[in-house]
C-alpha atoms as a PDB file:
ATOM      1  CA  UNK A   1      -9.193 -73.466  11.671  1.00  0.00           C
ATOM      2  CA  UNK A   2      -6.440 -75.209   9.983  1.00  0.00           C
ATOM      3  CA  UNK A   3      -4.248 -73.725   6.867  1.00  0.00           C
ATOM      4  CA  UNK A   4      -4.046 -75.646   3.535  1.00  0.00           C
ATOM      5  CA  UNK A   5      -0.887 -77.179   2.171  1.00  0.00           C
ATOM      6  CA  UNK A   6      -1.489 -74.753  -0.760  1.00  0.00           C
ATOM      7  CA  UNK A   7      -1.197 -71.783   1.452  1.00  0.00           C
ATOM      8  CA  UNK A   8       1.801 -73.637   3.901  1.00  0.00           C
ATOM      9  CA  UNK A   9       3.921 -73.767  -0.146  1.00  0.00           C
ATOM     10  CA  UNK A  10       2.293 -70.044  -0.737  1.00  0.00           C
ATOM     11  CA  UNK A  11       3.580 -68.725   1.798  1.00  0.00           C
ATOM     12  CA  UNK A  12       6.766 -70.175   2.088  1.00  0.00           C
ATOM     13  CA  UNK A  13       7.411 -68.989  -1.829  1.00  0.00           C
ATOM     14  CA  UNK A  14       6.830 -65.840  -0.753  1.00  0.00           C
ATOM     15  CA  UNK A  15       8.095 -64.651   2.846  1.00  0.00           C
ATOM     16  CA  UNK A  16      11.424 -66.859   1.372  1.00  0.00           C
ATOM     17  CA  UNK A  17      14.907 -67.844   3.347  1.00  0.00           C
ATOM     18  CA  UNK A  18      13.980 -66.971   6.648  1.00  0.00           C
ATOM     19  CA  UNK A  19      17.041 -67.315   9.357  1.00  0.00           C
ATOM     20  CA  UNK A  20      16.507 -68.229  12.656  1.00  0.00           C
ATOM     21  CA  UNK A  21      17.722 -65.273  15.469  1.00  0.00           C
ATOM     22  CA  UNK A  22      20.705 -66.547  17.620  1.00  0.00           C
ATOM     23  CA  UNK A  23      19.661 -63.993  19.984  1.00  0.00           C
ATOM     24  CA  UNK A  24      16.583 -63.761  21.492  1.00  0.00           C
ATOM     25  CA  UNK A  25      17.840 -60.424  23.396  1.00  0.00           C
ATOM     26  CA  UNK A  26      18.517 -58.432  20.490  1.00  0.00           C
ATOM     27  CA  UNK A  27      16.824 -55.251  20.107  1.00  0.00           C
ATOM     28  CA  UNK A  28      14.695 -53.747  16.787  1.00  0.00           C
ATOM     29  CA  UNK A  29      16.440 -50.521  16.400  1.00  0.00           C
ATOM     30  CA  UNK A  30      14.095 -47.394  14.925  1.00  0.00           C
ATOM     31  CA  UNK A  31      15.425 -43.926  14.677  1.00  0.00           C
ATOM     32  CA  UNK A  32      14.245 -41.729  17.066  1.00  0.00           C
ATOM     33  CA  UNK A  33      10.610 -39.462  15.068  1.00  0.00           C
ATOM     34  CA  UNK A  34      11.810 -36.267  14.907  1.00  0.00           C
ATOM     35  CA  UNK A  35       8.894 -34.408  16.411  1.00  0.00           C
ATOM     36  CA  UNK A  36       6.125 -32.908  15.391  1.00  0.00           C
ATOM     37  CA  UNK A  37       5.809 -29.357  14.000  1.00  0.00           C
ATOM     38  CA  UNK A  38       2.631 -28.873  15.885  1.00  0.00           C
ATOM     39  CA  UNK A  39       4.709 -29.458  19.497  1.00  0.00           C
ATOM     40  CA  UNK A  40       8.054 -28.083  18.441  1.00  0.00           C
ATOM     41  CA  UNK A  41       5.522 -25.157  18.072  1.00  0.00           C
ATOM     42  CA  UNK A  42       4.441 -25.152  21.369  1.00  0.00           C
ATOM     43  CA  UNK A  43       7.495 -26.081  22.693  1.00  0.00           C
ATOM     44  CA  UNK A  44       8.775 -22.592  21.513  1.00  0.00           C
ATOM     45  CA  UNK A  45       5.464 -20.909  22.306  1.00  0.00           C
ATOM     46  CA  UNK A  46       6.201 -22.030  25.606  1.00  0.00           C
ATOM     47  CA  UNK A  47       9.910 -21.136  25.988  1.00  0.00           C
ATOM     48  CA  UNK A  48       8.241 -17.623  24.285  1.00  0.00           C
ATOM     49  CA  UNK A  49       5.657 -16.860  27.034  1.00  0.00           C
ATOM     50  CA  UNK A  50       8.433 -18.724  29.820  1.00  0.00           C
ATOM     51  CA  UNK A  51      10.305 -14.973  27.958  1.00  0.00           C
ATOM     52  CA  UNK A  52       7.530 -13.396  28.221  1.00  0.00           C
ATOM     53  CA  UNK A  53       6.601 -13.684  31.698  1.00  0.00           C
ATOM     54  CA  UNK A  54      10.381 -12.710  33.289  1.00  0.00           C
ATOM     55  CA  UNK A  55      11.585  -9.906  35.392  1.00  0.00           C
ATOM     56  CA  UNK A  56      12.750  -7.996  32.371  1.00  0.00           C
ATOM     57  CA  UNK A  57      11.520  -4.935  32.849  1.00  0.00           C
ATOM     58  CA  UNK A  58      13.213  -4.056  29.516  1.00  0.00           C
ATOM     59  CA  UNK A  59      10.383  -3.588  27.644  1.00  0.00           C
ATOM     60  CA  UNK A  60       7.420  -2.652  29.843  1.00  0.00           C
ATOM     61  CA  UNK A  61       5.413   0.924  30.782  1.00  0.00           C
ATOM     62  CA  UNK A  62       7.799   2.423  32.994  1.00  0.00           C
ATOM     63  CA  UNK A  63       5.356   6.472  33.523  1.00  0.00           C
ATOM     64  CA  UNK A  64       3.875   6.158  36.645  1.00  0.00           C
ATOM     65  CA  UNK A  65       0.784   8.457  35.006  1.00  0.00           C
ATOM     66  CA  UNK A  66       0.226   5.827  31.775  1.00  0.00           C
ATOM     67  CA  UNK A  67      -3.170   4.346  32.068  1.00  0.00           C
ATOM     68  CA  UNK A  68      -3.552   0.267  32.566  1.00  0.00           C
ATOM     69  CA  UNK A  69      -6.440   0.041  29.974  1.00  0.00           C
ATOM     70  CA  UNK A  70      -7.198  -3.497  27.830  1.00  0.00           C
ATOM     71  CA  UNK A  71      -9.742  -5.825  26.632  1.00  0.00           C
ATOM     72  CA  UNK A  72      -9.321  -8.586  24.400  1.00  0.00           C
ATOM     73  CA  UNK A  73     -10.973  -8.714  21.195  1.00  0.00           C
ATOM     74  CA  UNK A  74     -14.526  -9.393  21.535  1.00  0.00           C
ATOM     75  CA  UNK A  75     -15.233  -7.542  25.424  1.00  0.00           C
ATOM     76  CA  UNK A  76     -17.306  -4.719  25.039  1.00  0.00           C
ATOM     77  CA  UNK A  77     -15.972  -1.279  24.761  1.00  0.00           C
ATOM     78  CA  UNK A  78     -18.895  -1.296  27.729  1.00  0.00           C
ATOM     79  CA  UNK A  79     -17.680  -3.714  30.354  1.00  0.00           C
ATOM     80  CA  UNK A  80     -14.041  -2.034  29.449  1.00  0.00           C
ATOM     81  CA  UNK A  81     -16.023   1.394  30.240  1.00  0.00           C
ATOM     82  CA  UNK A  82     -17.376   0.175  33.763  1.00  0.00           C
ATOM     83  CA  UNK A  83     -14.120  -0.752  34.585  1.00  0.00           C
ATOM     84  CA  UNK A  84     -13.180   1.999  34.066  1.00  0.00           C
ATOM     85  CA  UNK A  85     -14.878   3.565  36.466  1.00  0.00           C
ATOM     86  CA  UNK A  86     -15.098   0.935  39.095  1.00  0.00           C
ATOM     87  CA  UNK A  87     -18.492  -0.295  38.667  1.00  0.00           C
ATOM     88  CA  UNK A  88     -17.607  -3.242  39.928  1.00  0.00           C
ATOM     89  CA  UNK A  89     -16.849  -4.348  43.088  1.00  0.00           C
ATOM     90  CA  UNK A  90     -14.205  -7.137  43.066  1.00  0.00           C
ATOM     91  CA  UNK A  91     -14.465 -10.268  44.483  1.00  0.00           C
ATOM     92  CA  UNK A  92     -10.869 -10.984  45.966  1.00  0.00           C
ATOM     93  CA  UNK A  93      -7.995  -8.741  45.815  1.00  0.00           C
ATOM     94  CA  UNK A  94      -3.803  -9.047  46.237  1.00  0.00           C
ATOM     95  CA  UNK A  95      -1.455  -5.974  47.081  1.00  0.00           C
ATOM     96  CA  UNK A  96       1.760  -6.929  45.893  1.00  0.00           C
ATOM     97  CA  UNK A  97       3.686  -3.624  48.116  1.00  0.00           C
ATOM     98  CA  UNK A  98       7.088  -3.709  48.929  1.00  0.00           C
ATOM     99  CA  UNK A  99       7.737  -7.489  46.701  1.00  0.00           C
ATOM    100  CA  UNK A 100      10.220  -7.692  43.871  1.00  0.00           C
ATOM    101  CA  UNK A 101       9.431  -8.709  40.825  1.00  0.00           C
ATOM    102  CA  UNK A 102       9.787 -12.266  40.461  1.00  0.00           C
ATOM    103  CA  UNK A 103       7.833 -12.163  44.012  1.00  0.00           C
ATOM    104  CA  UNK A 104       4.620 -10.224  41.880  1.00  0.00           C
ATOM    105  CA  UNK A 105       5.439 -12.208  38.855  1.00  0.00           C
ATOM    106  CA  UNK A 106       4.973 -16.090  41.582  1.00  0.00           C
ATOM    107  CA  UNK A 107       2.095 -13.608  43.902  1.00  0.00           C
ATOM    108  CA  UNK A 108       0.279 -12.804  40.848  1.00  0.00           C
ATOM    109  CA  UNK A 109      -0.371 -15.543  39.460  1.00  0.00           C
ATOM    110  CA  UNK A 110      -0.662 -18.468  42.249  1.00  0.00           C
ATOM    111  CA  UNK A 111      -3.952 -15.617  42.629  1.00  0.00           C
ATOM    112  CA  UNK A 112      -5.562 -15.844  39.283  1.00  0.00           C
ATOM    113  CA  UNK A 113      -5.018 -19.480  39.393  1.00  0.00           C
ATOM    114  CA  UNK A 114      -6.719 -19.716  43.124  1.00  0.00           C
ATOM    115  CA  UNK A 115      -9.496 -16.835  41.182  1.00  0.00           C
ATOM    116  CA  UNK A 116      -9.858 -19.026  38.230  1.00  0.00           C
ATOM    117  CA  UNK A 117     -10.587 -22.027  39.967  1.00  0.00           C
ATOM    118  CA  UNK A 118     -13.596 -20.507  42.153  1.00  0.00           C
ATOM    119  CA  UNK A 119     -14.730 -18.514  39.248  1.00  0.00           C
ATOM    120  CA  UNK A 120     -14.423 -15.526  40.480  1.00  0.00           C
ATOM    121  CA  UNK A 121     -15.474 -12.523  37.867  1.00  0.00           C
ATOM    122  CA  UNK A 122     -13.486  -9.388  39.435  1.00  0.00           C
ATOM    123  CA  UNK A 123      -9.963  -9.470  41.373  1.00  0.00           C
ATOM    124  CA  UNK A 124      -8.577  -6.158  42.585  1.00  0.00           C
ATOM    125  CA  UNK A 125      -4.578  -5.718  42.449  1.00  0.00           C
ATOM    126  CA  UNK A 126      -2.363  -3.372  44.237  1.00  0.00           C
ATOM    127  CA  UNK A 127       0.666  -2.727  42.786  1.00  0.00           C
ATOM    128  CA  UNK A 128       1.651   0.938  44.461  1.00  0.00           C
ATOM    129  CA  UNK A 129       2.637   3.061  41.295  1.00  0.00           C
ATOM    130  CA  UNK A 130       6.526   3.335  41.886  1.00  0.00           C
ATOM    131  CA  UNK A 131       6.790   5.748  43.764  1.00  0.00           C
ATOM    132  CA  UNK A 132       8.833   4.463  46.929  1.00  0.00           C
ATOM    133  CA  UNK A 133      11.024   2.715  43.530  1.00  0.00           C
ATOM    134  CA  UNK A 134      14.596   3.630  43.026  1.00  0.00           C
ATOM    135  CA  UNK A 135      14.665   4.379  39.335  1.00  0.00           C
ATOM    136  CA  UNK A 136      11.213   4.309  37.350  1.00  0.00           C
ATOM    137  CA  UNK A 137       7.806   1.673  38.927  1.00  0.00           C
ATOM    138  CA  UNK A 138       8.668  -1.380  38.120  1.00  0.00           C
ATOM    139  CA  UNK A 139       6.362  -3.870  39.421  1.00  0.00           C
ATOM    140  CA  UNK A 140       2.986  -2.137  37.452  1.00  0.00           C
ATOM    141  CA  UNK A 141       4.608  -2.353  34.604  1.00  0.00           C
ATOM    142  CA  UNK A 142       5.253  -5.500  34.699  1.00  0.00           C
ATOM    143  CA  UNK A 143       1.618  -6.519  35.422  1.00  0.00           C
ATOM    144  CA  UNK A 144       0.453  -4.804  32.576  1.00  0.00           C
ATOM    145  CA  UNK A 145       2.923  -6.893  30.344  1.00  0.00           C
ATOM    146  CA  UNK A 146       1.886  -9.949  31.856  1.00  0.00           C
ATOM    147  CA  UNK A 147      -1.971  -9.877  32.358  1.00  0.00           C
ATOM    148  CA  UNK A 148      -2.534  -9.399  29.131  1.00  0.00           C
ATOM    149  CA  UNK A 149      -0.513 -13.155  28.632  1.00  0.00           C
ATOM    150  CA  UNK A 150      -2.579 -14.149  31.059  1.00  0.00           C
ATOM    151  CA  UNK A 151      -5.834 -15.974  28.372  1.00  0.00           C
ATOM    152  CA  UNK A 152      -7.986 -15.615  31.225  1.00  0.00           C
ATOM    153  CA  UNK A 153      -8.115 -12.123  31.701  1.00  0.00           C
ATOM    154  CA  UNK A 154     -10.675 -10.753  29.478  1.00  0.00           C
ATOM    155  CA  UNK A 155      -9.558  -7.355  30.966  1.00  0.00           C
ATOM    156  CA  UNK A 156      -8.179  -5.335  32.859  1.00  0.00           C
ATOM    157  CA  UNK A 157      -8.227  -1.099  33.594  1.00  0.00           C
ATOM    158  CA  UNK A 158      -7.166   1.247  36.323  1.00  0.00           C
ATOM    159  CA  UNK A 159     -10.210   2.650  38.855  1.00  0.00           C
ATOM    160  CA  UNK A 160     -10.453   6.089  39.873  1.00  0.00           C
ATOM    161  CA  UNK A 161      -9.081   7.538  42.275  1.00  0.00           C
ATOM    162  CA  UNK A 162     -10.966   7.024  45.208  1.00  0.00           C
ATOM    163  CA  UNK A 163     -10.763   3.424  44.559  1.00  0.00           C
ATOM    164  CA  UNK A 164      -6.963   3.359  44.402  1.00  0.00           C
ATOM    165  CA  UNK A 165      -5.962   4.769  40.442  1.00  0.00           C
ATOM    166  CA  UNK A 166      -2.966   3.980  39.355  1.00  0.00           C
ATOM    167  CA  UNK A 167      -1.254   2.032  42.183  1.00  0.00           C
ATOM    168  CA  UNK A 168      -4.877  -0.365  41.495  1.00  0.00           C
ATOM    169  CA  UNK A 169      -5.649  -2.534  38.763  1.00  0.00           C
ATOM    170  CA  UNK A 170      -9.390  -4.398  38.360  1.00  0.00           C
ATOM    171  CA  UNK A 171      -8.838  -7.262  36.251  1.00  0.00           C
ATOM    172  CA  UNK A 172     -12.339  -9.260  34.732  1.00  0.00           C
ATOM    173  CA  UNK A 173     -12.056 -12.726  34.370  1.00  0.00           C
ATOM    174  CA  UNK A 174     -13.097 -15.452  32.624  1.00  0.00           C
ATOM    175  CA  UNK A 175     -14.988 -17.031  34.093  1.00  0.00           C
ATOM    176  CA  UNK A 176     -18.349 -19.477  32.711  1.00  0.00           C
ATOM    177  CA  UNK A 177     -20.853 -16.893  34.558  1.00  0.00           C
ATOM    178  CA  UNK A 178     -18.752 -13.791  32.908  1.00  0.00           C
ATOM    179  CA  UNK A 179     -20.939 -12.918  29.819  1.00  0.00           C
ATOM    180  CA  UNK A 180     -23.996 -12.950  31.912  1.00  0.00           C
ATOM    181  CA  UNK A 181     -23.883  -9.451  33.687  1.00  0.00           C
ATOM    182  CA  UNK A 182     -23.478  -8.366  30.056  1.00  0.00           C
END
């Protein structure tokens, strides 16, 4: 395709004088765009999540006699009741006895990751009641907080004493098959 002389003249009149760049290595620096609102919000939420997943015990329930029960919106009461009654046999178990808070957090996160990857329905977390802790029980309360933050944990509860009572937590995990049970 060739450009007519009239088009060339029109182009030159429209553009005006053109100055040749002397140094070809010059770059035009554009100011960095500000982080978009969504990205900033996601970064803030991640920082908040990391704070909540910390080992800080200031905001945990340390009452060893309290019952841990939780279900996400949309999870049936029937499922939570069955969990509390120990009607589910756990697909896998982790024992966090004797670990520090940070060790327990790391072990639990890795365990949850692999449980979800294996598409497990119910898991058992043995944490004890904190009877051997100096002062208030720590791990039990942290487990409760950490599990609530895990979006893939649909529900959790302490089972009856015959299964471990308040020293154990049974969890139902989100999976492709999780709604087929009820």
